[in-house]
Amino acid sequence: MRMIEFIKEFLGFIINRKKFWLIPILFFLFIFGGLIVLTQGTAIAPFIYTIF
């Protein structure tokens, strides 16, 4: 339950403070983080790390 409350509060912060530029940054961080976790230990992993 605490994570859901945190997400609600964070989204409220973004909307109230008009910090909409944070949304694409968080989106790409989430995508790249998920990609690294999913490809960990596979043959694709060295190609993912070259992005950074």
C-alpha atoms as a PDB file:
ATOM      1  CA  MET A   1       0.000   0.000   0.000  1.00  0.00           C
ATOM      2  CA  ARG A   2       2.854   2.398   0.692  1.00  0.00           C
ATOM      3  CA  MET A   3       4.097   2.215  -2.898  1.00  0.00           C
ATOM      4  CA  ILE A   4       0.665   3.100  -4.285  1.00  0.00           C
ATOM      5  CA  GLU A   5       0.477   6.084  -1.931  1.00  0.00           C
ATOM      6  CA  PHE A   6       3.944   7.186  -3.020  1.00  0.00           C
ATOM      7  CA  ILE A   7       2.987   6.990  -6.695  1.00  0.00           C
ATOM      8  CA  LYS A   8      -0.202   8.991  -6.082  1.00  0.00           C
ATOM      9  CA  GLU A   9       1.708  11.642  -4.160  1.00  0.00           C
ATOM     10  CA  PHE A  10       4.433  11.818  -6.810  1.00  0.00           C
ATOM     11  CA  LEU A  11       1.910  12.205  -9.623  1.00  0.00           C
ATOM     12  CA  GLY A  12       0.154  14.897  -7.588  1.00  0.00           C
ATOM     13  CA  PHE A  13       3.501  16.683  -7.223  1.00  0.00           C
ATOM     14  CA  ILE A  14       4.114  16.536 -10.979  1.00  0.00           C
ATOM     15  CA  ILE A  15       0.652  17.907 -11.754  1.00  0.00           C
ATOM     16  CA  ASN A  16       0.629  20.613  -9.058  1.00  0.00           C
ATOM     17  CA  ARG A  17       4.145  21.880  -9.757  1.00  0.00           C
ATOM     18  CA  LYS A  18       3.762  21.597 -13.561  1.00  0.00           C
ATOM     19  CA  LYS A  19       6.887  19.428 -13.830  1.00  0.00           C
ATOM     20  CA  PHE A  20       5.683  17.574 -16.916  1.00  0.00           C
ATOM     21  CA  TRP A  21       9.242  17.324 -18.254  1.00  0.00           C
ATOM     22  CA  LEU A  22       9.882  14.632 -15.605  1.00  0.00           C
ATOM     23  CA  ILE A  23       7.452  12.196 -17.232  1.00  0.00           C
ATOM     24  CA  PRO A  24       9.585  11.312 -20.320  1.00  0.00           C
ATOM     25  CA  ILE A  25      12.720  11.006 -18.171  1.00  0.00           C
ATOM     26  CA  LEU A  26      11.022   8.600 -15.781  1.00  0.00           C
ATOM     27  CA  PHE A  27       9.525   6.671 -18.701  1.00  0.00           C
ATOM     28  CA  PHE A  28      12.912   6.064 -20.319  1.00  0.00           C
ATOM     29  CA  LEU A  29      14.537   5.188 -16.991  1.00  0.00           C
ATOM     30  CA  PHE A  30      11.807   2.631 -16.374  1.00  0.00           C
ATOM     31  CA  ILE A  31      12.145   1.152 -19.886  1.00  0.00           C
ATOM     32  CA  PHE A  32      15.956   0.908 -19.771  1.00  0.00           C
ATOM     33  CA  GLY A  33      15.904  -0.461 -16.219  1.00  0.00           C
ATOM     34  CA  GLY A  34      13.394  -3.132 -17.184  1.00  0.00           C
ATOM     35  CA  LEU A  35      15.386  -3.972 -20.298  1.00  0.00           C
ATOM     36  CA  ILE A  36      18.560  -4.457 -18.278  1.00  0.00           C
ATOM     37  CA  VAL A  37      16.794  -6.646 -15.721  1.00  0.00           C
ATOM     38  CA  LEU A  38      15.103  -8.780 -18.372  1.00  0.00           C
ATOM     39  CA  THR A  39      18.250  -9.317 -20.447  1.00  0.00           C
ATOM     40  CA  GLN A  40      20.601  -9.946 -17.539  1.00  0.00           C
ATOM     41  CA  GLY A  41      22.613 -13.051 -18.234  1.00  0.00           C
ATOM     42  CA  THR A  42      21.656 -13.386 -21.896  1.00  0.00           C
ATOM     43  CA  ALA A  43      23.595 -12.820 -25.089  1.00  0.00           C
ATOM     44  CA  ILE A  44      21.846  -9.448 -25.554  1.00  0.00           C
ATOM     45  CA  ALA A  45      23.289  -7.941 -22.356  1.00  0.00           C
ATOM     46  CA  PRO A  46      26.586  -6.649 -23.889  1.00  0.00           C
ATOM     47  CA  PHE A  47      24.640  -4.773 -26.550  1.00  0.00           C
ATOM     48  CA  ILE A  48      22.365  -3.165 -23.949  1.00  0.00           C
ATOM     49  CA  TYR A  49      25.344  -1.901 -21.939  1.00  0.00           C
ATOM     50  CA  THR A  50      26.812  -0.195 -25.005  1.00  0.00           C
ATOM     51  CA  ILE A  51      23.828   2.178 -24.975  1.00  0.00           C
ATOM     52  CA  PHE A  52      25.170   3.708 -21.791  1.00  0.00           C
END
